[in-house]
């Protein structure tokens, strides 16, 4: 573990974690770190990544021997590409094997966020919105069960993502990804539902 006054933080994910279409200061892991007085997060994330691509991305990173905290938000691109929930769960098990040693096997120092529901965005207007919502719900049921099974903390931010239907300012200019205002809501939710001590 880090012995400095400021905890270290590894944020794993896809476009939602890297903050597609927002300034680096508006990324939710950055805002969370500032709220908790953590060090600047080490972000391993890329727009479009599935679980398999994130696993490959992690393998190419020179990660520190240990972090104080790790977050994981992944899966929307698995759903978008019509991949199996069973395959998603199998990949999550690989994440558990990778993440636990990085926090000295302290499972409570790993927290997962639910997958946002993009069905309400303009991007999805010409798609089967009900199907998107149903499938994301299945993915989220799977990742919540995974978190509980391994003793990880879990935060459901999907409800906040649905607010974009009535609040256009919660979306970035690309009309798909969250804006900094939406990410602020996520950070508040994470601070309420997770324990960081």
C-alpha atoms as a PDB file:
ATOM      1  CA  UNK A   1       0.000   0.000   0.000  1.00  0.00           C
ATOM      2  CA  UNK A   2       0.983   3.594  -0.475  1.00  0.00           C
ATOM      3  CA  UNK A   3       2.505   5.093   2.672  1.00  0.00           C
ATOM      4  CA  UNK A   4       2.083   8.735   1.638  1.00  0.00           C
ATOM      5  CA  UNK A   5      -0.591  10.997   3.063  1.00  0.00           C
ATOM      6  CA  UNK A   6      -2.578  10.867  -0.155  1.00  0.00           C
ATOM      7  CA  UNK A   7      -4.051   7.505  -1.197  1.00  0.00           C
ATOM      8  CA  UNK A   8      -3.356   6.140  -4.664  1.00  0.00           C
ATOM      9  CA  UNK A   9      -6.194   5.215  -6.988  1.00  0.00           C
ATOM     10  CA  UNK A  10      -6.474   3.062 -10.113  1.00  0.00           C
ATOM     11  CA  UNK A  11      -9.571   3.671 -12.273  1.00  0.00           C
ATOM     12  CA  UNK A  12     -10.395   0.964 -14.808  1.00  0.00           C
ATOM     13  CA  UNK A  13     -13.011   1.252 -17.520  1.00  0.00           C
ATOM     14  CA  UNK A  14     -14.069   2.574 -20.896  1.00  0.00           C
ATOM     15  CA  UNK A  15     -15.344   5.904 -22.245  1.00  0.00           C
ATOM     16  CA  UNK A  16     -17.208   6.666 -19.021  1.00  0.00           C
ATOM     17  CA  UNK A  17     -14.012   6.432 -16.994  1.00  0.00           C
ATOM     18  CA  UNK A  18     -11.729   8.255 -19.430  1.00  0.00           C
ATOM     19  CA  UNK A  19     -14.392  10.947 -19.812  1.00  0.00           C
ATOM     20  CA  UNK A  20     -15.090  10.962 -23.540  1.00  0.00           C
ATOM     21  CA  UNK A  21     -16.052  14.472 -24.732  1.00  0.00           C
ATOM     22  CA  UNK A  22     -15.318  16.215 -21.418  1.00  0.00           C
ATOM     23  CA  UNK A  23     -12.264  18.007 -20.056  1.00  0.00           C
ATOM     24  CA  UNK A  24      -9.851  15.906 -17.970  1.00  0.00           C
ATOM     25  CA  UNK A  25     -10.936  17.869 -14.890  1.00  0.00           C
ATOM     26  CA  UNK A  26     -14.542  16.742 -15.488  1.00  0.00           C
ATOM     27  CA  UNK A  27     -13.741  13.029 -15.460  1.00  0.00           C
ATOM     28  CA  UNK A  28     -15.524  11.426 -12.519  1.00  0.00           C
ATOM     29  CA  UNK A  29     -12.406   9.606 -11.182  1.00  0.00           C
ATOM     30  CA  UNK A  30     -10.574  12.940 -11.147  1.00  0.00           C
ATOM     31  CA  UNK A  31     -13.432  14.671  -9.337  1.00  0.00           C
ATOM     32  CA  UNK A  32     -13.685  11.788  -6.860  1.00  0.00           C
ATOM     33  CA  UNK A  33      -9.960  11.968  -6.140  1.00  0.00           C
ATOM     34  CA  UNK A  34     -10.179  15.687  -5.501  1.00  0.00           C
ATOM     35  CA  UNK A  35     -13.161  15.205  -3.179  1.00  0.00           C
ATOM     36  CA  UNK A  36     -11.269  12.625  -1.110  1.00  0.00           C
ATOM     37  CA  UNK A  37      -7.838  14.295  -1.301  1.00  0.00           C
ATOM     38  CA  UNK A  38      -6.392  11.319  -3.153  1.00  0.00           C
ATOM     39  CA  UNK A  39      -3.510  11.447  -5.596  1.00  0.00           C
ATOM     40  CA  UNK A  40      -4.345  12.001  -9.270  1.00  0.00           C
ATOM     41  CA  UNK A  41      -5.859   8.719 -10.466  1.00  0.00           C
ATOM     42  CA  UNK A  42      -4.034   6.321 -12.727  1.00  0.00           C
ATOM     43  CA  UNK A  43      -6.671   5.757 -15.406  1.00  0.00           C
ATOM     44  CA  UNK A  44      -6.628   2.702 -17.639  1.00  0.00           C
ATOM     45  CA  UNK A  45      -9.581   3.212 -19.948  1.00  0.00           C
ATOM     46  CA  UNK A  46     -10.386   3.839 -23.586  1.00  0.00           C
ATOM     47  CA  UNK A  47     -13.528   4.702 -25.491  1.00  0.00           C
ATOM     48  CA  UNK A  48     -15.071   1.595 -27.031  1.00  0.00           C
ATOM     49  CA  UNK A  49     -13.343  -0.948 -24.832  1.00  0.00           C
ATOM     50  CA  UNK A  50     -15.096  -4.165 -23.896  1.00  0.00           C
ATOM     51  CA  UNK A  51     -14.063  -6.217 -20.876  1.00  0.00           C
ATOM     52  CA  UNK A  52     -11.653  -8.255 -23.022  1.00  0.00           C
ATOM     53  CA  UNK A  53     -10.045  -5.117 -24.428  1.00  0.00           C
ATOM     54  CA  UNK A  54      -9.677  -3.606 -20.970  1.00  0.00           C
ATOM     55  CA  UNK A  55      -8.039  -6.812 -19.742  1.00  0.00           C
ATOM     56  CA  UNK A  56      -5.602  -6.569 -22.646  1.00  0.00           C
ATOM     57  CA  UNK A  57      -5.016  -2.889 -21.898  1.00  0.00           C
ATOM     58  CA  UNK A  58      -4.211  -3.660 -18.271  1.00  0.00           C
ATOM     59  CA  UNK A  59      -1.690  -6.302 -19.349  1.00  0.00           C
ATOM     60  CA  UNK A  60       0.210  -3.631 -21.264  1.00  0.00           C
ATOM     61  CA  UNK A  61       0.321  -1.177 -18.359  1.00  0.00           C
ATOM     62  CA  UNK A  62       3.154  -0.824 -15.885  1.00  0.00           C
ATOM     63  CA  UNK A  63       0.959  -0.845 -12.802  1.00  0.00           C
ATOM     64  CA  UNK A  64       2.286   0.060  -9.377  1.00  0.00           C
ATOM     65  CA  UNK A  65       2.891  -2.854  -6.955  1.00  0.00           C
ATOM     66  CA  UNK A  66      -0.140  -1.756  -4.942  1.00  0.00           C
ATOM     67  CA  UNK A  67      -2.896   0.835  -4.941  1.00  0.00           C
ATOM     68  CA  UNK A  68      -5.026   2.034  -2.077  1.00  0.00           C
ATOM     69  CA  UNK A  69      -8.219   1.989  -4.141  1.00  0.00           C
ATOM     70  CA  UNK A  70      -9.441   0.566  -7.451  1.00  0.00           C
ATOM     71  CA  UNK A  71     -12.666   1.285  -9.338  1.00  0.00           C
ATOM     72  CA  UNK A  72     -14.143  -0.711 -12.203  1.00  0.00           C
ATOM     73  CA  UNK A  73     -16.846   0.475 -14.597  1.00  0.00           C
ATOM     74  CA  UNK A  74     -17.056  -1.690 -17.709  1.00  0.00           C
ATOM     75  CA  UNK A  75     -19.566  -3.513 -19.872  1.00  0.00           C
ATOM     76  CA  UNK A  76     -21.534  -1.070 -22.001  1.00  0.00           C
ATOM     77  CA  UNK A  77     -19.553  -1.985 -25.117  1.00  0.00           C
ATOM     78  CA  UNK A  78     -20.104  -5.686 -24.448  1.00  0.00           C
ATOM     79  CA  UNK A  79     -23.830  -4.942 -24.545  1.00  0.00           C
ATOM     80  CA  UNK A  80     -23.516  -2.681 -27.590  1.00  0.00           C
ATOM     81  CA  UNK A  81     -21.709  -5.426 -29.506  1.00  0.00           C
ATOM     82  CA  UNK A  82     -24.322  -8.026 -28.430  1.00  0.00           C
ATOM     83  CA  UNK A  83     -21.841 -10.088 -26.464  1.00  0.00           C
ATOM     84  CA  UNK A  84     -22.950 -12.729 -23.982  1.00  0.00           C
ATOM     85  CA  UNK A  85     -23.566 -11.839 -20.343  1.00  0.00           C
ATOM     86  CA  UNK A  86     -21.938 -15.180 -19.457  1.00  0.00           C
ATOM     87  CA  UNK A  87     -18.756 -14.111 -21.240  1.00  0.00           C
ATOM     88  CA  UNK A  88     -18.958 -10.785 -19.400  1.00  0.00           C
ATOM     89  CA  UNK A  89     -19.105 -12.587 -16.052  1.00  0.00           C
ATOM     90  CA  UNK A  90     -16.152 -14.779 -17.017  1.00  0.00           C
ATOM     91  CA  UNK A  91     -14.133 -11.649 -17.788  1.00  0.00           C
ATOM     92  CA  UNK A  92     -15.170 -10.087 -14.468  1.00  0.00           C
ATOM     93  CA  UNK A  93     -13.625 -13.075 -12.702  1.00  0.00           C
ATOM     94  CA  UNK A  94     -10.360 -12.277 -14.454  1.00  0.00           C
ATOM     95  CA  UNK A  95     -10.619  -8.713 -13.161  1.00  0.00           C
ATOM     96  CA  UNK A  96     -10.986 -10.038  -9.617  1.00  0.00           C
ATOM     97  CA  UNK A  97      -7.769 -12.041 -10.011  1.00  0.00           C
ATOM     98  CA  UNK A  98      -5.958  -8.953 -11.308  1.00  0.00           C
ATOM     99  CA  UNK A  99      -7.343  -6.365  -8.895  1.00  0.00           C
ATOM    100  CA  UNK A 100      -7.123  -8.136  -5.547  1.00  0.00           C
ATOM    101  CA  UNK A 101      -3.307  -8.399  -5.449  1.00  0.00           C
ATOM    102  CA  UNK A 102      -3.084  -4.704  -6.374  1.00  0.00           C
ATOM    103  CA  UNK A 103      -4.915  -3.731  -3.162  1.00  0.00           C
ATOM    104  CA  UNK A 104      -3.159  -6.332  -0.993  1.00  0.00           C
ATOM    105  CA  UNK A 105      -6.294  -8.495  -1.161  1.00  0.00           C
ATOM    106  CA  UNK A 106      -8.388  -5.913   0.680  1.00  0.00           C
ATOM    107  CA  UNK A 107     -11.647  -6.478  -1.209  1.00  0.00           C
ATOM    108  CA  UNK A 108     -13.381  -3.478   0.377  1.00  0.00           C
ATOM    109  CA  UNK A 109     -10.881  -1.213  -1.382  1.00  0.00           C
ATOM    110  CA  UNK A 110     -12.335  -2.204  -4.751  1.00  0.00           C
ATOM    111  CA  UNK A 111     -15.565  -0.582  -5.870  1.00  0.00           C
ATOM    112  CA  UNK A 112     -17.686  -1.196  -8.945  1.00  0.00           C
ATOM    113  CA  UNK A 113     -20.085   1.199 -10.628  1.00  0.00           C
ATOM    114  CA  UNK A 114     -23.151   0.031 -12.518  1.00  0.00           C
ATOM    115  CA  UNK A 115     -23.324   0.507 -16.283  1.00  0.00           C
ATOM    116  CA  UNK A 116     -25.180   3.665 -17.373  1.00  0.00           C
ATOM    117  CA  UNK A 117     -28.303   3.287 -19.500  1.00  0.00           C
ATOM    118  CA  UNK A 118     -27.692   5.136 -22.757  1.00  0.00           C
ATOM    119  CA  UNK A 119     -31.124   4.241 -24.171  1.00  0.00           C
ATOM    120  CA  UNK A 120     -32.423   7.716 -23.263  1.00  0.00           C
ATOM    121  CA  UNK A 121     -29.749   9.585 -25.237  1.00  0.00           C
ATOM    122  CA  UNK A 122     -30.260  11.070 -28.719  1.00  0.00           C
ATOM    123  CA  UNK A 123     -27.653   8.555 -29.942  1.00  0.00           C
ATOM    124  CA  UNK A 124     -30.127   5.731 -29.236  1.00  0.00           C
ATOM    125  CA  UNK A 125     -33.256   7.355 -30.688  1.00  0.00           C
ATOM    126  CA  UNK A 126     -33.164   5.224 -33.849  1.00  0.00           C
ATOM    127  CA  UNK A 127     -32.326   2.029 -31.961  1.00  0.00           C
ATOM    128  CA  UNK A 128     -34.419  -0.423 -29.910  1.00  0.00           C
ATOM    129  CA  UNK A 129     -34.369   1.527 -26.658  1.00  0.00           C
ATOM    130  CA  UNK A 130     -36.330  -1.028 -24.657  1.00  0.00           C
ATOM    131  CA  UNK A 131     -33.902  -3.760 -25.708  1.00  0.00           C
ATOM    132  CA  UNK A 132     -30.915  -1.632 -24.702  1.00  0.00           C
ATOM    133  CA  UNK A 133     -32.437  -0.947 -21.297  1.00  0.00           C
ATOM    134  CA  UNK A 134     -33.342  -4.600 -20.709  1.00  0.00           C
ATOM    135  CA  UNK A 135     -29.884  -5.822 -21.643  1.00  0.00           C
ATOM    136  CA  UNK A 136     -28.080  -3.235 -19.528  1.00  0.00           C
ATOM    137  CA  UNK A 137     -30.254  -4.303 -16.601  1.00  0.00           C
ATOM    138  CA  UNK A 138     -29.082  -7.908 -17.092  1.00  0.00           C
ATOM    139  CA  UNK A 139     -25.462  -6.796 -17.226  1.00  0.00           C
ATOM    140  CA  UNK A 140     -25.923  -4.768 -14.060  1.00  0.00           C
ATOM    141  CA  UNK A 141     -27.551  -7.650 -12.243  1.00  0.00           C
ATOM    142  CA  UNK A 142     -24.479  -9.691 -13.173  1.00  0.00           C
ATOM    143  CA  UNK A 143     -21.911  -7.125 -12.052  1.00  0.00           C
ATOM    144  CA  UNK A 144     -23.717  -6.423  -8.783  1.00  0.00           C
ATOM    145  CA  UNK A 145     -23.831 -10.156  -7.998  1.00  0.00           C
ATOM    146  CA  UNK A 146     -20.137 -10.386  -8.875  1.00  0.00           C
ATOM    147  CA  UNK A 147     -19.291  -7.506  -6.536  1.00  0.00           C
ATOM    148  CA  UNK A 148     -21.233  -9.041  -3.649  1.00  0.00           C
ATOM    149  CA  UNK A 149     -19.698 -12.463  -4.238  1.00  0.00           C
ATOM    150  CA  UNK A 150     -16.184 -11.048  -3.935  1.00  0.00           C
ATOM    151  CA  UNK A 151     -16.870  -8.559  -1.152  1.00  0.00           C
ATOM    152  CA  UNK A 152     -16.339  -5.517  -3.373  1.00  0.00           C
ATOM    153  CA  UNK A 153     -18.249  -2.300  -2.833  1.00  0.00           C
ATOM    154  CA  UNK A 154     -20.925  -1.465  -5.403  1.00  0.00           C
ATOM    155  CA  UNK A 155     -22.551   1.790  -6.447  1.00  0.00           C
ATOM    156  CA  UNK A 156     -25.618   2.016  -8.691  1.00  0.00           C
ATOM    157  CA  UNK A 157     -25.414   5.151 -10.834  1.00  0.00           C
ATOM    158  CA  UNK A 158     -27.734   3.911 -13.596  1.00  0.00           C
ATOM    159  CA  UNK A 159     -30.687   5.877 -12.272  1.00  0.00           C
ATOM    160  CA  UNK A 160     -28.698   9.077 -12.636  1.00  0.00           C
ATOM    161  CA  UNK A 161     -27.923   8.268 -16.271  1.00  0.00           C
ATOM    162  CA  UNK A 162     -31.661   8.161 -17.026  1.00  0.00           C
ATOM    163  CA  UNK A 163     -31.986  11.800 -15.986  1.00  0.00           C
ATOM    164  CA  UNK A 164     -30.423  12.762 -19.314  1.00  0.00           C
ATOM    165  CA  UNK A 165     -33.832  12.189 -20.917  1.00  0.00           C
ATOM    166  CA  UNK A 166     -35.178  15.341 -19.257  1.00  0.00           C
ATOM    167  CA  UNK A 167     -31.914  17.212 -18.726  1.00  0.00           C
ATOM    168  CA  UNK A 168     -29.940  17.711 -21.962  1.00  0.00           C
ATOM    169  CA  UNK A 169     -27.180  19.482 -20.034  1.00  0.00           C
ATOM    170  CA  UNK A 170     -26.339  16.151 -18.416  1.00  0.00           C
ATOM    171  CA  UNK A 171     -24.964  15.025 -21.775  1.00  0.00           C
ATOM    172  CA  UNK A 172     -21.717  16.055 -23.456  1.00  0.00           C
ATOM    173  CA  UNK A 173     -21.663  17.660 -26.891  1.00  0.00           C
ATOM    174  CA  UNK A 174     -21.629  14.242 -28.579  1.00  0.00           C
ATOM    175  CA  UNK A 175     -25.152  13.601 -27.201  1.00  0.00           C
ATOM    176  CA  UNK A 176     -24.135  10.184 -25.893  1.00  0.00           C
ATOM    177  CA  UNK A 177     -21.628  10.493 -23.090  1.00  0.00           C
ATOM    178  CA  UNK A 178     -22.229  12.248 -19.759  1.00  0.00           C
ATOM    179  CA  UNK A 179     -21.260  15.845 -19.192  1.00  0.00           C
ATOM    180  CA  UNK A 180     -19.317  17.053 -16.192  1.00  0.00           C
ATOM    181  CA  UNK A 181     -22.644  17.846 -14.519  1.00  0.00           C
ATOM    182  CA  UNK A 182     -23.698  14.208 -14.786  1.00  0.00           C
ATOM    183  CA  UNK A 183     -20.337  13.014 -13.511  1.00  0.00           C
ATOM    184  CA  UNK A 184     -20.757  15.270 -10.477  1.00  0.00           C
ATOM    185  CA  UNK A 185     -23.942  13.345  -9.651  1.00  0.00           C
ATOM    186  CA  UNK A 186     -22.049  10.079  -9.955  1.00  0.00           C
ATOM    187  CA  UNK A 187     -19.336  11.280  -7.602  1.00  0.00           C
ATOM    188  CA  UNK A 188     -21.911  12.312  -5.007  1.00  0.00           C
ATOM    189  CA  UNK A 189     -23.544   8.899  -5.290  1.00  0.00           C
ATOM    190  CA  UNK A 190     -20.232   7.078  -4.931  1.00  0.00           C
ATOM    191  CA  UNK A 191     -19.396   9.137  -1.840  1.00  0.00           C
ATOM    192  CA  UNK A 192     -22.752   8.233  -0.332  1.00  0.00           C
ATOM    193  CA  UNK A 193     -22.817   4.517  -1.077  1.00  0.00           C
ATOM    194  CA  UNK A 194     -19.153   3.581  -0.595  1.00  0.00           C
ATOM    195  CA  UNK A 195     -16.978   3.709   2.500  1.00  0.00           C
ATOM    196  CA  UNK A 196     -13.489   5.137   2.005  1.00  0.00           C
ATOM    197  CA  UNK A 197     -11.636   4.572   5.251  1.00  0.00           C
END
